[in-house]
Amino acid sequence: QVQLVESGGGLVQAGDSLRLSCAASGRTFSIYAVGWFRQVPGKEREFLGAFSWSGGITRYADSVKGRFTISRDETRNTVYLQMNSLKLEDTAVYYCAAARGGRWPVPLVASEYDYWGQGTQVTVSS
């Protein structure tokens, strides 16, 4: 089992930056990739980006490319989502997820992920 705990969400203004953290514990050696998703009520979970655990490769959705950056602190088994130039439409619950395997270099859809964090709310105001 892998446990994931997100933190760092909150209320910010449009144009601000925010960094979310995803701390992994348990059988972290089994992780193939860590992804970030977000969800708003009534919509499906949206893929934002993912990081391959061993290869360090990242992929991003077009909707956030250039504004969001994923990185990892190996010593802390923590993956970060740095979000810049936040917009009102970035308001959502943000989730990190871990996959034990999947497409190369990283899984791109929620169904490919095996473990999920509890989510953290990000609210962007005008």
Foldseek 3Di string as FASTA:
>chain_A
DKAWAKDWADEEAAQAKTKMKIFIDDPCVLFQKKWKWWDDPPDDIATAKMAGPPPRDIDGDPVQPPFWDWDDDVVRNMIMIIGGRDDQVVWTWMKMFTASDDDPPDDGDPVRTDGIYPTDTHGYHD
